[in-house]
Amino acid sequence: MGDGPAHHWVTVDSLQVAALPDEDLVTTCGRSSASRAGDTVALVAESSRTTYRQPRLAWFLDVRSNRIRSIAVESLMCTREVPAE
């Protein structure tokens, strides 16, 4: 549309997962507080207003190869960006 630059479309992975009623999809996850770069997403349930339980499922968003990779959740932790009010 218009005179702008042409877009280059690429194929990327996708997935479909059913979330439980008390679960959220969050991006504030990592193996440590320093590794929370937004490239890991997880399905987690709230355990309190400020924390989440261990994720049920998690994925690494590999933007270099346009792939979504399932990752183990055993040592993964997720935090809330802003505490619920």
PDB file of N, CA and C in Angstrom:
ATOM      1  N   MET A   1       0.835  -1.180   0.000  1.00  0.00           N
ATOM      2  CA  MET A   1       0.000   0.000   0.000  1.00  0.00           C
ATOM      3  C   MET A   1       0.874   1.236   0.000  1.00  0.00           C
ATOM      4  N   GLY A   2       0.522   2.188  -0.773  1.00  0.00           N
ATOM      5  CA  GLY A   2       1.258   3.437  -0.784  1.00  0.00           C
ATOM      6  C   GLY A   2       2.628   3.312  -1.435  1.00  0.00           C
ATOM      7  N   ASP A   3       3.478   4.297  -1.169  1.00  0.00           N
ATOM      8  CA  ASP A   3       4.800   4.341  -1.767  1.00  0.00           C
ATOM      9  C   ASP A   3       5.891   3.888  -0.801  1.00  0.00           C
ATOM     10  N   GLY A   4       5.532   3.276   0.302  1.00  0.00           N
ATOM     11  CA  GLY A   4       6.511   2.849   1.303  1.00  0.00           C
ATOM     12  C   GLY A   4       7.322   1.659   0.811  1.00  0.00           C
ATOM     13  N   PRO A   5       8.292   1.245   1.605  1.00  0.00           N
ATOM     14  CA  PRO A   5       9.137   0.107   1.232  1.00  0.00           C
ATOM     15  C   PRO A   5       8.333  -1.196   1.200  1.00  0.00           C
ATOM     16  N   ALA A   6       8.760  -2.097   0.341  1.00  0.00           N
ATOM     17  CA  ALA A   6       8.103  -3.403   0.243  1.00  0.00           C
ATOM     18  C   ALA A   6       8.381  -4.215   1.503  1.00  0.00           C
ATOM     19  N   HIS A   7       7.407  -4.997   1.939  1.00  0.00           N
ATOM     20  CA  HIS A   7       7.572  -5.855   3.118  1.00  0.00           C
ATOM     21  C   HIS A   7       8.070  -7.224   2.691  1.00  0.00           C
ATOM     22  N   HIS A   8       8.947  -7.768   3.489  1.00  0.00           N
ATOM     23  CA  HIS A   8       9.439  -9.127   3.263  1.00  0.00           C
ATOM     24  C   HIS A   8       8.783 -10.015   4.306  1.00  0.00           C
ATOM     25  N   TRP A   9       7.899 -10.903   3.898  1.00  0.00           N
ATOM     26  CA  TRP A   9       7.174 -11.765   4.820  1.00  0.00           C
ATOM     27  C   TRP A   9       7.931 -13.075   4.986  1.00  0.00           C
ATOM     28  N   VAL A  10       8.001 -13.559   6.218  1.00  0.00           N
ATOM     29  CA  VAL A  10       8.665 -14.828   6.505  1.00  0.00           C
ATOM     30  C   VAL A  10       7.706 -15.741   7.267  1.00  0.00           C
ATOM     31  N   THR A  11       7.904 -17.030   7.119  1.00  0.00           N
ATOM     32  CA  THR A  11       7.117 -18.012   7.847  1.00  0.00           C
ATOM     33  C   THR A  11       7.711 -18.192   9.237  1.00  0.00           C
ATOM     34  N   VAL A  12       6.853 -18.234  10.239  1.00  0.00           N
ATOM     35  CA  VAL A  12       7.308 -18.439  11.609  1.00  0.00           C
ATOM     36  C   VAL A  12       6.494 -19.568  12.236  1.00  0.00           C
ATOM     37  N   ASP A  13       7.035 -20.120  13.326  1.00  0.00           N
ATOM     38  CA  ASP A  13       6.321 -21.151  14.074  1.00  0.00           C
ATOM     39  C   ASP A  13       5.094 -20.559  14.755  1.00  0.00           C
ATOM     40  N   SER A  14       4.175 -21.415  15.080  1.00  0.00           N
ATOM     41  CA  SER A  14       3.033 -21.030  15.905  1.00  0.00           C
ATOM     42  C   SER A  14       2.673 -22.222  16.776  1.00  0.00           C
ATOM     43  N   LEU A  15       1.890 -21.964  17.800  1.00  0.00           N
ATOM     44  CA  LEU A  15       1.420 -23.051  18.645  1.00  0.00           C
ATOM     45  C   LEU A  15       0.067 -22.689  19.197  1.00  0.00           C
ATOM     46  N   GLN A  16      -0.634 -23.715  19.636  1.00  0.00           N
ATOM     47  CA  GLN A  16      -1.951 -23.512  20.217  1.00  0.00           C
ATOM     48  C   GLN A  16      -2.024 -24.346  21.487  1.00  0.00           C
ATOM     49  N   VAL A  17      -2.319 -23.680  22.593  1.00  0.00           N
ATOM     50  CA  VAL A  17      -2.362 -24.323  23.903  1.00  0.00           C
ATOM     51  C   VAL A  17      -3.576 -23.796  24.656  1.00  0.00           C
ATOM     52  N   ALA A  18      -4.239 -24.673  25.372  1.00  0.00           N
ATOM     53  CA  ALA A  18      -5.373 -24.255  26.198  1.00  0.00           C
ATOM     54  C   ALA A  18      -4.864 -23.819  27.570  1.00  0.00           C
ATOM     55  N   ALA A  19      -5.188 -22.602  27.942  1.00  0.00           N
ATOM     56  CA  ALA A  19      -4.818 -22.088  29.272  1.00  0.00           C
ATOM     57  C   ALA A  19      -5.932 -22.399  30.253  1.00  0.00           C
ATOM     58  N   LEU A  20      -5.557 -22.740  31.467  1.00  0.00           N
ATOM     59  CA  LEU A  20      -6.535 -22.972  32.523  1.00  0.00           C
ATOM     60  C   LEU A  20      -7.095 -21.633  32.984  1.00  0.00           C
ATOM     61  N   PRO A  21      -8.262 -21.621  33.629  1.00  0.00           N
ATOM     62  CA  PRO A  21      -8.882 -20.341  34.024  1.00  0.00           C
ATOM     63  C   PRO A  21      -8.010 -19.437  34.889  1.00  0.00           C
ATOM     64  N   ASP A  22      -7.134 -19.998  35.713  1.00  0.00           N
ATOM     65  CA  ASP A  22      -6.316 -19.157  36.597  1.00  0.00           C
ATOM     66  C   ASP A  22      -4.916 -18.904  36.048  1.00  0.00           C
ATOM     67  N   GLU A  23      -4.670 -19.221  34.785  1.00  0.00           N
ATOM     68  CA  GLU A  23      -3.322 -19.063  34.210  1.00  0.00           C
ATOM     69  C   GLU A  23      -3.202 -17.804  33.355  1.00  0.00           C
ATOM     70  N   ASP A  24      -1.985 -17.273  33.324  1.00  0.00           N
ATOM     71  CA  ASP A  24      -1.645 -16.125  32.490  1.00  0.00           C
ATOM     72  C   ASP A  24      -0.464 -16.497  31.605  1.00  0.00           C
ATOM     73  N   LEU A  25      -0.349 -15.857  30.466  1.00  0.00           N
ATOM     74  CA  LEU A  25       0.819 -15.978  29.606  1.00  0.00           C
ATOM     75  C   LEU A  25       1.724 -14.798  29.940  1.00  0.00           C
ATOM     76  N   VAL A  26       2.931 -15.075  30.444  1.00  0.00           N
ATOM     77  CA  VAL A  26       3.813 -14.003  30.897  1.00  0.00           C
ATOM     78  C   VAL A  26       5.176 -14.083  30.211  1.00  0.00           C
ATOM     79  N   THR A  27       5.837 -12.934  30.122  1.00  0.00           N
ATOM     80  CA  THR A  27       7.154 -12.854  29.480  1.00  0.00           C
ATOM     81  C   THR A  27       8.256 -12.475  30.454  1.00  0.00           C
ATOM     82  N   THR A  28       7.941 -12.390  31.724  1.00  0.00           N
ATOM     83  CA  THR A  28       8.937 -12.027  32.732  1.00  0.00           C
ATOM     84  C   THR A  28       9.495 -13.289  33.379  1.00  0.00           C
ATOM     85  N   CYS A  29      10.038 -14.168  32.555  1.00  0.00           N
ATOM     86  CA  CYS A  29      10.535 -15.465  33.012  1.00  0.00           C
ATOM     87  C   CYS A  29      11.996 -15.647  32.621  1.00  0.00           C
ATOM     88  N   GLY A  30      12.697 -16.439  33.421  1.00  0.00           N
ATOM     89  CA  GLY A  30      14.084 -16.755  33.122  1.00  0.00           C
ATOM     90  C   GLY A  30      14.647 -17.706  34.151  1.00  0.00           C
ATOM     91  N   ARG A  31      15.882 -18.105  33.964  1.00  0.00           N
ATOM     92  CA  ARG A  31      16.554 -19.001  34.915  1.00  0.00           C
ATOM     93  C   ARG A  31      17.095 -18.212  36.115  1.00  0.00           C
ATOM     94  N   SER A  32      17.241 -16.897  35.925  1.00  0.00           N
ATOM     95  CA  SER A  32      17.658 -16.003  36.999  1.00  0.00           C
ATOM     96  C   SER A  32      17.071 -14.627  36.703  1.00  0.00           C
ATOM     97  N   SER A  33      17.186 -13.705  37.644  1.00  0.00           N
ATOM     98  CA  SER A  33      16.641 -12.363  37.405  1.00  0.00           C
ATOM     99  C   SER A  33      17.364 -11.654  36.268  1.00  0.00           C
ATOM    100  N   ALA A  34      18.624 -12.002  36.024  1.00  0.00           N
ATOM    101  CA  ALA A  34      19.393 -11.372  34.946  1.00  0.00           C
ATOM    102  C   ALA A  34      19.040 -11.929  33.572  1.00  0.00           C
ATOM    103  N   SER A  35      18.388 -13.081  33.510  1.00  0.00           N
ATOM    104  CA  SER A  35      18.111 -13.707  32.213  1.00  0.00           C
ATOM    105  C   SER A  35      16.698 -13.451  31.716  1.00  0.00           C
ATOM    106  N   ARG A  36      15.983 -12.533  32.324  1.00  0.00           N
ATOM    107  CA  ARG A  36      14.612 -12.235  31.899  1.00  0.00           C
ATOM    108  C   ARG A  36      14.616 -11.179  30.805  1.00  0.00           C
ATOM    109  N   ALA A  37      14.847 -11.629  29.570  1.00  0.00           N
ATOM    110  CA  ALA A  37      14.991 -10.701  28.450  1.00  0.00           C
ATOM    111  C   ALA A  37      13.734 -10.588  27.601  1.00  0.00           C
ATOM    112  N   GLY A  38      12.647 -11.264  27.987  1.00  0.00           N
ATOM    113  CA  GLY A  38      11.426 -11.191  27.199  1.00  0.00           C
ATOM    114  C   GLY A  38      11.365 -12.201  26.072  1.00  0.00           C
ATOM    115  N   ASP A  39      12.389 -13.045  25.916  1.00  0.00           N
ATOM    116  CA  ASP A  39      12.374 -14.043  24.851  1.00  0.00           C
ATOM    117  C   ASP A  39      11.878 -15.397  25.339  1.00  0.00           C
ATOM    118  N   THR A  40      11.479 -15.474  26.609  1.00  0.00           N
ATOM    119  CA  THR A  40      10.898 -16.682  27.170  1.00  0.00           C
ATOM    120  C   THR A  40       9.488 -16.354  27.632  1.00  0.00           C
ATOM    121  N   VAL A  41       8.519 -17.160  27.225  1.00  0.00           N
ATOM    122  CA  VAL A  41       7.139 -16.987  27.659  1.00  0.00           C
ATOM    123  C   VAL A  41       6.686 -18.262  28.358  1.00  0.00           C
ATOM    124  N   ALA A  42       5.759 -18.109  29.296  1.00  0.00           N
ATOM    125  CA  ALA A  42       5.302 -19.270  30.051  1.00  0.00           C
ATOM    126  C   ALA A  42       3.849 -19.111  30.459  1.00  0.00           C
ATOM    127  N   LEU A  43       3.186 -20.246  30.644  1.00  0.00           N
ATOM    128  CA  LEU A  43       1.850 -20.283  31.224  1.00  0.00           C
ATOM    129  C   LEU A  43       2.011 -20.523  32.712  1.00  0.00           C
ATOM    130  N   VAL A  44       1.563 -19.570  33.509  1.00  0.00           N
ATOM    131  CA  VAL A  44       1.717 -19.671  34.953  1.00  0.00           C
ATOM    132  C   VAL A  44       0.413 -19.322  35.655  1.00  0.00           C
ATOM    133  N   ALA A  45       0.272 -19.839  36.860  1.00  0.00           N
ATOM    134  CA  ALA A  45      -0.870 -19.499  37.711  1.00  0.00           C
ATOM    135  C   ALA A  45      -0.374 -18.616  38.839  1.00  0.00           C
ATOM    136  N   GLU A  46      -1.207 -17.684  39.269  1.00  0.00           N
ATOM    137  CA  GLU A  46      -0.838 -16.812  40.378  1.00  0.00           C
ATOM    138  C   GLU A  46      -0.811 -17.614  41.674  1.00  0.00           C
ATOM    139  N   SER A  47       0.186 -17.354  42.517  1.00  0.00           N
ATOM    140  CA  SER A  47       0.178 -17.956  43.847  1.00  0.00           C
ATOM    141  C   SER A  47      -0.095 -16.893  44.899  1.00  0.00           C
ATOM    142  N   SER A  48       0.123 -15.639  44.535  1.00  0.00           N
ATOM    143  CA  SER A  48      -0.236 -14.513  45.397  1.00  0.00           C
ATOM    144  C   SER A  48      -0.340 -13.289  44.491  1.00  0.00           C
ATOM    145  N   ARG A  49      -0.572 -12.142  45.075  1.00  0.00           N
ATOM    146  CA  ARG A  49      -0.703 -10.925  44.258  1.00  0.00           C
ATOM    147  C   ARG A  49       0.619 -10.477  43.652  1.00  0.00           C
ATOM    148  N   THR A  50       1.731 -10.996  44.143  1.00  0.00           N
ATOM    149  CA  THR A  50       3.031 -10.536  43.651  1.00  0.00           C
ATOM    150  C   THR A  50       3.872 -11.632  42.999  1.00  0.00           C
ATOM    151  N   THR A  51       3.466 -12.888  43.106  1.00  0.00           N
ATOM    152  CA  THR A  51       4.296 -13.969  42.568  1.00  0.00           C
ATOM    153  C   THR A  51       3.472 -14.954  41.747  1.00  0.00           C
ATOM    154  N   TYR A  52       4.167 -15.787  41.022  1.00  0.00           N
ATOM    155  CA  TYR A  52       3.554 -16.855  40.243  1.00  0.00           C
ATOM    156  C   TYR A  52       4.073 -18.201  40.738  1.00  0.00           C
ATOM    157  N   ARG A  53       3.320 -19.244  40.486  1.00  0.00           N
ATOM    158  CA  ARG A  53       3.798 -20.601  40.730  1.00  0.00           C
ATOM    159  C   ARG A  53       4.794 -20.960  39.630  1.00  0.00           C
ATOM    160  N   GLN A  54       5.421 -22.130  39.786  1.00  0.00           N
ATOM    161  CA  GLN A  54       6.305 -22.601  38.717  1.00  0.00           C
ATOM    162  C   GLN A  54       5.463 -22.766  37.454  1.00  0.00           C
ATOM    163  N   PRO A  55       5.985 -22.360  36.295  1.00  0.00           N
ATOM    164  CA  PRO A  55       5.212 -22.470  35.061  1.00  0.00           C
ATOM    165  C   PRO A  55       4.808 -23.909  34.755  1.00  0.00           C
ATOM    166  N   ARG A  56       3.641 -24.052  34.136  1.00  0.00           N
ATOM    167  CA  ARG A  56       3.192 -25.366  33.670  1.00  0.00           C
ATOM    168  C   ARG A  56       3.836 -25.690  32.323  1.00  0.00           C
ATOM    169  N   LEU A  57       3.934 -24.696  31.458  1.00  0.00           N
ATOM    170  CA  LEU A  57       4.540 -24.840  30.131  1.00  0.00           C
ATOM    171  C   LEU A  57       5.363 -23.587  29.847  1.00  0.00           C
ATOM    172  N   ALA A  58       6.426 -23.736  29.055  1.00  0.00           N
ATOM    173  CA  ALA A  58       7.252 -22.566  28.718  1.00  0.00           C
ATOM    174  C   ALA A  58       7.885 -22.762  27.350  1.00  0.00           C
ATOM    175  N   TRP A  59       8.176 -21.628  26.694  1.00  0.00           N
ATOM    176  CA  TRP A  59       8.766 -21.644  25.357  1.00  0.00           C
ATOM    177  C   TRP A  59       9.812 -20.537  25.230  1.00  0.00           C
ATOM    178  N   PHE A  60      10.814 -20.803  24.432  1.00  0.00           N
ATOM    179  CA  PHE A  60      11.818 -19.813  24.071  1.00  0.00           C
ATOM    180  C   PHE A  60      11.477 -19.325  22.673  1.00  0.00           C
ATOM    181  N   LEU A  61      11.352 -18.012  22.492  1.00  0.00           N
ATOM    182  CA  LEU A  61      11.046 -17.428  21.182  1.00  0.00           C
ATOM    183  C   LEU A  61      12.357 -17.126  20.474  1.00  0.00           C
ATOM    184  N   ASP A  62      12.745 -17.997  19.576  1.00  0.00           N
ATOM    185  CA  ASP A  62      14.014 -17.872  18.859  1.00  0.00           C
ATOM    186  C   ASP A  62      13.788 -17.009  17.619  1.00  0.00           C
ATOM    187  N   VAL A  63      14.042 -15.703  17.751  1.00  0.00           N
ATOM    188  CA  VAL A  63      13.767 -14.781  16.650  1.00  0.00           C
ATOM    189  C   VAL A  63      14.776 -14.900  15.511  1.00  0.00           C
ATOM    190  N   ARG A  64      15.936 -15.452  15.780  1.00  0.00           N
ATOM    191  CA  ARG A  64      16.927 -15.637  14.708  1.00  0.00           C
ATOM    192  C   ARG A  64      16.473 -16.676  13.688  1.00  0.00           C
ATOM    193  N   SER A  65      15.848 -17.751  14.179  1.00  0.00           N
ATOM    194  CA  SER A  65      15.409 -18.810  13.267  1.00  0.00           C
ATOM    195  C   SER A  65      13.890 -18.836  13.101  1.00  0.00           C
ATOM    196  N   ASN A  66      13.184 -17.862  13.701  1.00  0.00           N
ATOM    197  CA  ASN A  66      11.726 -17.787  13.627  1.00  0.00           C
ATOM    198  C   ASN A  66      11.060 -19.066  14.130  1.00  0.00           C
ATOM    199  N   ARG A  67      11.560 -19.573  15.247  1.00  0.00           N
ATOM    200  CA  ARG A  67      11.051 -20.815  15.821  1.00  0.00           C
ATOM    201  C   ARG A  67      10.622 -20.601  17.266  1.00  0.00           C
ATOM    202  N   ILE A  68       9.669 -21.393  17.687  1.00  0.00           N
ATOM    203  CA  ILE A  68       9.242 -21.434  19.082  1.00  0.00           C
ATOM    204  C   ILE A  68       9.702 -22.770  19.627  1.00  0.00           C
ATOM    205  N   ARG A  69      10.528 -22.739  20.662  1.00  0.00           N
ATOM    206  CA  ARG A  69      11.095 -23.964  21.205  1.00  0.00           C
ATOM    207  C   ARG A  69      10.579 -24.201  22.626  1.00  0.00           C
ATOM    208  N   SER A  70      10.043 -25.387  22.851  1.00  0.00           N
ATOM    209  CA  SER A  70       9.590 -25.766  24.184  1.00  0.00           C
ATOM    210  C   SER A  70      10.803 -25.903  25.093  1.00  0.00           C
ATOM    211  N   ILE A  71      10.693 -25.409  26.339  1.00  0.00           N
ATOM    212  CA  ILE A  71      11.809 -25.528  27.277  1.00  0.00           C
ATOM    213  C   ILE A  71      11.325 -26.142  28.579  1.00  0.00           C
ATOM    214  N   ALA A  72      12.240 -26.744  29.321  1.00  0.00           N
ATOM    215  CA  ALA A  72      11.927 -27.340  30.614  1.00  0.00           C
ATOM    216  C   ALA A  72      11.597 -26.246  31.621  1.00  0.00           C
ATOM    217  N   VAL A  73      10.652 -26.521  32.485  1.00  0.00           N
ATOM    218  CA  VAL A  73      10.212 -25.507  33.444  1.00  0.00           C
ATOM    219  C   VAL A  73      10.807 -25.682  34.836  1.00  0.00           C
ATOM    220  N   GLU A  74      11.559 -26.745  35.065  1.00  0.00           N
ATOM    221  CA  GLU A  74      12.026 -27.064  36.416  1.00  0.00           C
ATOM    222  C   GLU A  74      12.791 -25.931  37.087  1.00  0.00           C
ATOM    223  N   SER A  75      13.673 -25.259  36.379  1.00  0.00           N
ATOM    224  CA  SER A  75      14.457 -24.189  37.008  1.00  0.00           C
ATOM    225  C   SER A  75      14.042 -22.803  36.525  1.00  0.00           C
ATOM    226  N   LEU A  76      12.890 -22.707  35.902  1.00  0.00           N
ATOM    227  CA  LEU A  76      12.411 -21.435  35.381  1.00  0.00           C
ATOM    228  C   LEU A  76      11.586 -20.723  36.446  1.00  0.00           C
ATOM    229  N   MET A  77      11.758 -19.411  36.553  1.00  0.00           N
ATOM    230  CA  MET A  77      10.949 -18.629  37.478  1.00  0.00           C
ATOM    231  C   MET A  77      10.397 -17.404  36.766  1.00  0.00           C
ATOM    232  N   CYS A  78       9.182 -17.027  37.142  1.00  0.00           N
ATOM    233  CA  CYS A  78       8.525 -15.883  36.536  1.00  0.00           C
ATOM    234  C   CYS A  78       8.101 -14.918  37.643  1.00  0.00           C
ATOM    235  N   THR A  79       8.227 -13.634  37.357  1.00  0.00           N
ATOM    236  CA  THR A  79       7.823 -12.614  38.329  1.00  0.00           C
ATOM    237  C   THR A  79       6.818 -11.671  37.692  1.00  0.00           C
ATOM    238  N   ARG A  80       6.095 -10.982  38.533  1.00  0.00           N
ATOM    239  CA  ARG A  80       5.139  -9.986  38.038  1.00  0.00           C
ATOM    240  C   ARG A  80       5.890  -8.695  37.752  1.00  0.00           C
ATOM    241  N   GLU A  81       5.562  -8.056  36.644  1.00  0.00           N
ATOM    242  CA  GLU A  81       6.192  -6.775  36.324  1.00  0.00           C
ATOM    243  C   GLU A  81       5.736  -5.708  37.287  1.00  0.00           C
ATOM    244  N   VAL A  82       4.442  -5.655  37.523  1.00  0.00           N
ATOM    245  CA  VAL A  82       3.848  -4.680  38.438  1.00  0.00           C
ATOM    246  C   VAL A  82       2.905  -5.457  39.346  1.00  0.00           C
ATOM    247  N   PRO A  83       3.051  -5.356  40.652  1.00  0.00           N
ATOM    248  CA  PRO A  83       2.128  -6.074  41.545  1.00  0.00           C
ATOM    249  C   PRO A  83       0.680  -5.711  41.269  1.00  0.00           C
ATOM    250  N   ALA A  84      -0.213  -6.698  41.366  1.00  0.00           N
ATOM    251  CA  ALA A  84      -1.646  -6.455  41.153  1.00  0.00           C
ATOM    252  C   ALA A  84      -2.168  -5.514  42.222  1.00  0.00           C
ATOM    253  N   GLU A  85      -3.123  -4.703  41.834  1.00  0.00           N
ATOM    254  CA  GLU A  85      -3.687  -3.737  42.786  1.00  0.00           C
ATOM    255  C   GLU A  85      -4.977  -4.255  43.346  1.00  0.00           C
TER     256      GLU A  85
END
